[in-house]
Amino acid sequence: MIPEPAPTVRELLAFYLEAGVDCALAEEPIDRLAEIDAPPPSPRTPPVEAPRPVAAPAVMRGEAAPAPDVAIASAREAARTAPTLEALRELMQGFEGCALKHTATRLVFADGNPQARIMFVGEAPGRDEDIEGLPFVGRSGKLLDLMIGAIGLNRNTAYIANVIPWRPPGNRTPTPQETQICLPFIQRHIELVNPDVLVTLGNPSTQTLLGTREGIMRTRGRWFDYDTGGRTIRALPTFHPAYLLRSPSYKRLAWQDLRSIAKVLTQGAT
C-alpha cells in the first residue's frame, strides 16, 4: 500500500481552526511525544522534589469556582451594589464566580457612548474581541458599524455590550449556567446606561434579556418592553451580524428593523 502523504502546514492549520484551536498557549511548541519517550532518570540519582508553585494556575482557580447557584446569588448581590458603570466594571474584573474568566484573555466590557440613546447587546465576545477587549471588532463588528451607519449612528452615538463579558473557549456557545451567572451584570449594565432603545442582536441575547422562548425569526422586528425595575425601555430584536454574514439574504429584513429603530429614535427626539 502507498502510505498517505503527510499533511501540509496549511492543512494542519485548517484542521486546528475547524477544531476550535485559534491561539497558542505558549511561545514555543512542546513535543509531548518526546516527553513520553524520554528515558527514566538513573536509579543512582536521588529524586529531586519539585518546588511548590507560589500561585495556583488558572485551571486551579476555575476548579475552585463556587457552585452555580452560589455564583448567581453572588453576581446578583455584586451587580446590585454598583452605583456607576466604572464601579460595575471593577466588580466584574474581580468577580471569580464564572469559569470563563479564567480561560479568556480579558474582560470585554463595552464600547461606544454610555450617554447614547440606543444600546446594542450581543451574546459573547469572539477571538478578536478577546484580544482587543472591545465588543464587535471582528468581521461581524465591521458589519454592525455599516448597519448602524446606515441610520446615521456610529460608536460615538451608540453603546454596545454583550450578555457574556468573557470569551467562551473556541467560541463555543455559553452554557445556560454561564449565562445565568452573567445575567445580573448585563441587567445592571442596561439599567445604568438607561437607553431609550435596546436592540438585542441574535437569538441568545433576545431570549435571555426579553424572557421569550421564540426564535429570532418570530421575534425580530417586534417591539418588546424591557423593564429595568425603575423604567420601561422599548426593545427590538434583530439578527446578529455574524448570522447575516452567513445568511446575507436576511439583510433585507435587518434593514427593515433598522428603519423601525431610526423611526422610534426620531419620534423620541421630537
Protein backbone atom coordinates (compact mmCIF):
# COMPACT_ATOMS: atom_id res chain seq x y z
CA MET A 1 0.00 0.00 0.00
CA ILE A 2 1.09 3.54 -0.74
CA PRO A 3 1.38 5.48 2.54
CA GLU A 4 -0.79 8.54 2.98
CA PRO A 5 1.13 11.76 2.30
CA ALA A 6 1.94 13.81 5.37
CA PRO A 7 -0.39 16.80 5.80
CA THR A 8 0.97 20.20 4.87
CA VAL A 9 1.26 23.05 7.37
CA ARG A 10 -1.71 24.76 5.70
CA GLU A 11 -3.84 21.60 6.05
CA LEU A 12 -2.87 21.24 9.71
CA LEU A 13 -3.74 24.86 10.46
CA ALA A 14 -7.10 24.44 8.72
CA PHE A 15 -7.76 21.34 10.84
CA TYR A 16 -6.90 23.17 14.05
CA LEU A 17 -9.20 26.09 13.16
CA GLU A 18 -12.07 23.71 12.45
CA ALA A 19 -11.44 22.07 15.83
CA GLY A 20 -11.65 25.46 17.58
CA VAL A 21 -7.90 25.91 18.19
CA ASP A 22 -7.18 29.51 17.20
CA CYS A 23 -4.50 30.68 19.60
CA ALA A 24 -1.31 29.34 21.19
CA LEU A 25 -0.89 28.87 24.93
CA ALA A 26 2.90 29.21 24.89
CA GLU A 27 5.54 30.96 22.82
CA GLU A 28 7.44 27.74 21.98
CA PRO A 29 5.91 24.42 20.82
CA ILE A 30 6.20 21.45 23.19
CA ASP A 31 6.94 17.97 21.83
CA ARG A 32 4.68 15.85 24.02
CA LEU A 33 5.84 12.61 22.36
CA ALA A 34 9.44 13.41 23.20
CA GLU A 35 8.43 13.80 26.83
CA ILE A 36 6.81 10.36 26.81
CA ASP A 37 9.79 8.68 25.16
CA ALA A 38 12.36 10.36 27.37
CA PRO A 39 14.47 7.80 29.29
CA PRO A 40 13.77 7.45 33.01
CA PRO A 41 16.26 9.05 35.41
CA SER A 42 19.20 6.98 36.56
CA PRO A 43 18.41 4.95 39.72
CA ARG A 44 21.63 6.26 41.26
CA THR A 45 20.32 9.81 41.12
CA PRO A 46 18.05 10.59 44.07
CA PRO A 47 14.72 12.11 43.04
CA VAL A 48 14.52 15.86 43.38
CA GLU A 49 11.35 17.18 44.93
CA ALA A 50 9.64 19.65 42.62
CA PRO A 51 9.30 23.14 44.06
CA ARG A 52 5.85 24.08 45.18
CA PRO A 53 4.18 26.73 42.99
CA VAL A 54 3.87 30.16 44.50
CA ALA A 55 0.48 30.82 42.95
CA ALA A 56 -2.22 28.44 41.73
CA PRO A 57 -2.65 28.33 37.95
CA ALA A 58 -5.82 29.47 36.20
CA VAL A 59 -7.13 25.92 35.97
CA MET A 60 -7.00 25.60 39.72
CA ARG A 61 -8.89 28.86 40.11
CA GLY A 62 -11.53 27.58 37.70
CA GLU A 63 -11.89 24.36 39.68
CA ALA A 64 -12.34 26.38 42.86
CA ALA A 65 -15.24 28.37 41.37
CA PRO A 66 -18.35 28.30 43.58
CA ALA A 67 -21.43 26.25 42.76
CA PRO A 68 -23.69 27.83 40.09
CA ASP A 69 -26.46 28.82 42.49
CA VAL A 70 -23.93 30.44 44.81
CA ALA A 71 -22.25 32.22 41.88
CA ILE A 72 -25.60 33.53 40.58
CA ALA A 73 -26.55 34.86 44.01
CA SER A 74 -23.10 36.45 44.37
CA ALA A 75 -23.41 38.10 40.93
CA ARG A 76 -26.83 39.49 41.78
CA GLU A 77 -25.60 40.98 45.03
CA ALA A 78 -22.47 42.44 43.44
CA ALA A 79 -24.32 43.94 40.46
CA ARG A 80 -26.94 45.48 42.72
CA THR A 81 -24.28 47.44 44.62
CA ALA A 82 -22.64 49.03 41.54
CA PRO A 83 -23.54 52.75 41.51
CA THR A 84 -21.75 53.57 38.23
CA LEU A 85 -20.52 51.88 35.08
CA GLU A 86 -16.93 52.18 36.25
CA ALA A 87 -17.81 50.52 39.55
CA LEU A 88 -19.60 47.77 37.66
CA ARG A 89 -16.53 47.18 35.51
CA GLU A 90 -14.31 46.91 38.59
CA LEU A 91 -16.72 44.45 40.22
CA MET A 92 -16.73 42.29 37.11
CA GLN A 93 -12.93 42.41 36.92
CA GLY A 94 -12.74 40.98 40.42
CA PHE A 95 -15.61 38.51 40.11
CA GLU A 96 -14.44 34.89 40.43
CA GLY A 97 -17.79 33.11 40.06
CA CYS A 98 -17.64 32.47 36.30
CA ALA A 99 -15.09 29.96 34.99
CA LEU A 100 -15.00 31.74 31.61
CA LYS A 101 -12.93 34.46 33.24
CA HIS A 102 -10.02 32.05 33.66
CA THR A 103 -9.92 30.94 30.02
CA ALA A 104 -10.43 34.37 28.44
CA THR A 105 -7.66 36.88 27.86
CA ARG A 106 -9.52 39.83 29.33
CA LEU A 107 -12.90 41.24 30.26
CA VAL A 108 -14.84 42.65 27.29
CA PHE A 109 -16.98 45.29 28.98
CA ALA A 110 -18.45 47.68 26.38
CA ASP A 111 -17.74 50.20 23.64
CA GLY A 112 -19.33 53.43 22.50
CA ASN A 113 -21.00 56.30 24.26
CA PRO A 114 -22.64 55.44 27.63
CA GLN A 115 -24.80 58.57 27.22
CA ALA A 116 -26.24 57.28 23.93
CA ARG A 117 -29.98 56.83 23.50
CA ILE A 118 -29.56 53.37 21.98
CA MET A 119 -27.80 50.27 23.31
CA PHE A 120 -26.95 47.12 21.32
CA VAL A 121 -26.42 43.83 23.18
CA GLY A 122 -24.96 40.68 21.61
CA GLU A 123 -24.20 37.26 23.07
CA ALA A 124 -20.47 36.88 23.80
CA PRO A 125 -17.04 38.07 22.61
CA GLY A 126 -15.11 36.21 19.93
CA ARG A 127 -11.39 35.88 19.32
CA ASP A 128 -10.85 39.44 18.02
CA GLU A 129 -12.86 40.92 20.87
CA ASP A 130 -10.92 38.85 23.41
CA ILE A 131 -7.65 40.22 22.02
CA GLU A 132 -8.70 43.88 21.88
CA GLY A 133 -11.01 43.96 24.90
CA LEU A 134 -13.85 45.60 22.94
CA PRO A 135 -17.13 44.12 21.64
CA PHE A 136 -17.82 43.70 17.93
CA VAL A 137 -14.41 44.47 16.43
CA GLY A 138 -14.06 41.48 14.06
CA ARG A 139 -15.91 40.84 10.80
CA SER A 140 -19.30 40.97 12.49
CA GLY A 141 -18.27 44.22 14.17
CA LYS A 142 -17.44 45.82 10.83
CA LEU A 143 -20.86 44.79 9.53
CA LEU A 144 -22.52 46.19 12.66
CA ASP A 145 -20.74 49.50 12.05
CA LEU A 146 -22.14 49.55 8.50
CA MET A 147 -25.62 48.67 9.76
CA ILE A 148 -25.82 51.42 12.33
CA GLY A 149 -24.08 53.82 9.97
CA ALA A 150 -26.95 53.32 7.52
CA ILE A 151 -29.29 55.02 10.00
CA GLY A 152 -26.89 57.78 10.97
CA LEU A 153 -25.31 56.15 14.04
CA ASN A 154 -21.72 55.27 14.95
CA ARG A 155 -19.79 54.25 18.05
CA ASN A 156 -19.90 57.82 19.32
CA THR A 157 -23.71 57.86 19.24
CA ALA A 158 -24.44 54.25 20.25
CA TYR A 159 -23.42 51.90 23.07
CA ILE A 160 -22.50 48.24 22.58
CA ALA A 161 -22.11 45.33 25.02
CA ASN A 162 -22.65 41.56 25.36
CA VAL A 163 -24.60 39.35 27.74
CA ILE A 164 -21.41 37.35 28.39
CA PRO A 165 -18.34 39.57 29.01
CA TRP A 166 -15.71 36.80 28.64
CA ARG A 167 -14.97 34.79 25.52
CA PRO A 168 -16.00 31.11 25.74
CA PRO A 169 -13.14 28.77 24.71
CA GLY A 170 -13.12 28.15 20.96
CA ASN A 171 -16.11 30.49 20.58
CA ARG A 172 -18.40 27.75 21.84
CA THR A 173 -21.96 28.54 22.89
CA PRO A 174 -22.15 29.69 26.54
CA THR A 175 -23.86 27.20 28.83
CA PRO A 176 -27.17 28.12 30.49
CA GLN A 177 -25.37 28.28 33.84
CA GLU A 178 -22.73 30.69 32.47
CA THR A 179 -25.48 32.86 31.02
CA GLN A 180 -27.41 32.97 34.29
CA ILE A 181 -24.26 33.86 36.24
CA CYS A 182 -23.52 36.79 33.90
CA LEU A 183 -27.15 37.93 33.54
CA PRO A 184 -27.23 40.20 36.64
CA PHE A 185 -24.23 42.14 35.31
CA ILE A 186 -25.77 42.94 31.90
CA GLN A 187 -29.09 43.76 33.56
CA ARG A 188 -27.37 46.28 35.83
CA HIS A 189 -25.35 47.47 32.82
CA ILE A 190 -28.55 48.29 30.91
CA GLU A 191 -30.06 49.93 33.98
CA LEU A 192 -27.05 52.24 34.42
CA VAL A 193 -26.88 53.20 30.73
CA ASN A 194 -30.66 53.73 30.73
CA PRO A 195 -31.11 53.97 26.93
CA ASP A 196 -34.33 54.89 25.16
CA VAL A 197 -33.99 51.92 22.81
CA LEU A 198 -32.48 48.48 23.49
CA VAL A 199 -31.54 46.31 20.49
CA THR A 200 -30.89 42.62 21.14
CA LEU A 201 -28.65 41.07 18.48
CA GLY A 202 -29.44 37.44 17.76
CA ASN A 203 -31.43 34.70 19.42
CA PRO A 204 -29.40 34.13 22.64
CA SER A 205 -29.40 37.76 23.81
CA THR A 206 -33.06 38.15 22.80
CA GLN A 207 -34.22 35.11 24.74
CA THR A 208 -32.03 35.93 27.75
CA LEU A 209 -32.99 39.59 28.11
CA LEU A 210 -36.58 39.58 26.87
CA GLY A 211 -37.67 36.34 28.52
CA THR A 212 -39.03 34.71 25.36
CA ARG A 213 -38.57 31.17 24.05
CA GLU A 214 -39.48 32.09 20.47
CA GLY A 215 -36.77 32.07 17.82
CA ILE A 216 -35.29 35.16 16.22
CA MET A 217 -37.35 34.65 13.05
CA ARG A 218 -40.51 35.25 15.08
CA THR A 219 -39.21 37.94 17.41
CA ARG A 220 -37.18 40.13 15.02
CA GLY A 221 -38.90 43.36 14.07
CA ARG A 222 -41.35 43.16 17.01
CA TRP A 223 -41.18 45.74 19.77
CA PHE A 224 -40.98 44.48 23.34
CA ASP A 225 -41.00 46.20 26.73
CA TYR A 226 -37.84 45.76 28.79
CA ASP A 227 -38.43 46.55 32.47
CA THR A 228 -35.40 47.73 34.47
CA GLY A 229 -37.42 47.93 37.67
CA GLY A 230 -37.48 51.71 37.53
CA ARG A 231 -38.34 52.30 33.89
CA THR A 232 -39.66 50.51 30.82
CA ILE A 233 -37.39 50.62 27.76
CA ARG A 234 -38.51 49.83 24.23
CA ALA A 235 -36.61 46.81 22.91
CA LEU A 236 -36.29 45.41 19.39
CA PRO A 237 -34.65 42.09 18.46
CA THR A 238 -32.84 41.75 15.15
CA PHE A 239 -30.33 39.43 13.52
CA HIS A 240 -26.81 39.16 14.83
CA PRO A 241 -24.27 40.48 12.28
CA ALA A 242 -22.45 37.13 12.35
CA TYR A 243 -25.67 35.44 11.20
CA LEU A 244 -26.06 37.97 8.39
CA LEU A 245 -22.53 37.19 7.22
CA ARG A 246 -23.53 33.53 6.92
CA SER A 247 -27.01 34.28 5.51
CA PRO A 248 -26.81 37.56 3.57
CA SER A 249 -30.31 37.07 2.15
CA TYR A 250 -31.70 38.22 5.52
CA LYS A 251 -30.04 41.62 5.29
CA ARG A 252 -33.25 42.95 3.75
CA LEU A 253 -35.18 42.08 6.92
CA ALA A 254 -32.40 43.56 9.07
CA TRP A 255 -32.70 46.78 7.08
CA GLN A 256 -36.43 46.88 7.88
CA ASP A 257 -35.56 46.54 11.58
CA LEU A 258 -33.02 49.35 11.33
CA ARG A 259 -35.57 51.65 9.71
CA SER A 260 -38.00 50.88 12.53
CA ILE A 261 -35.29 51.75 15.07
CA ALA A 262 -34.48 55.01 13.29
CA LYS A 263 -38.18 55.96 13.25
CA VAL A 264 -38.53 55.43 17.01
CA LEU A 265 -35.35 57.41 17.73
CA THR A 266 -36.58 60.28 15.52
CA GLN A 267 -40.00 60.32 17.18
CA GLY A 268 -38.40 60.35 20.61
CA ALA A 269 -36.24 63.33 19.67
CA THR A 270 -39.21 65.47 18.62
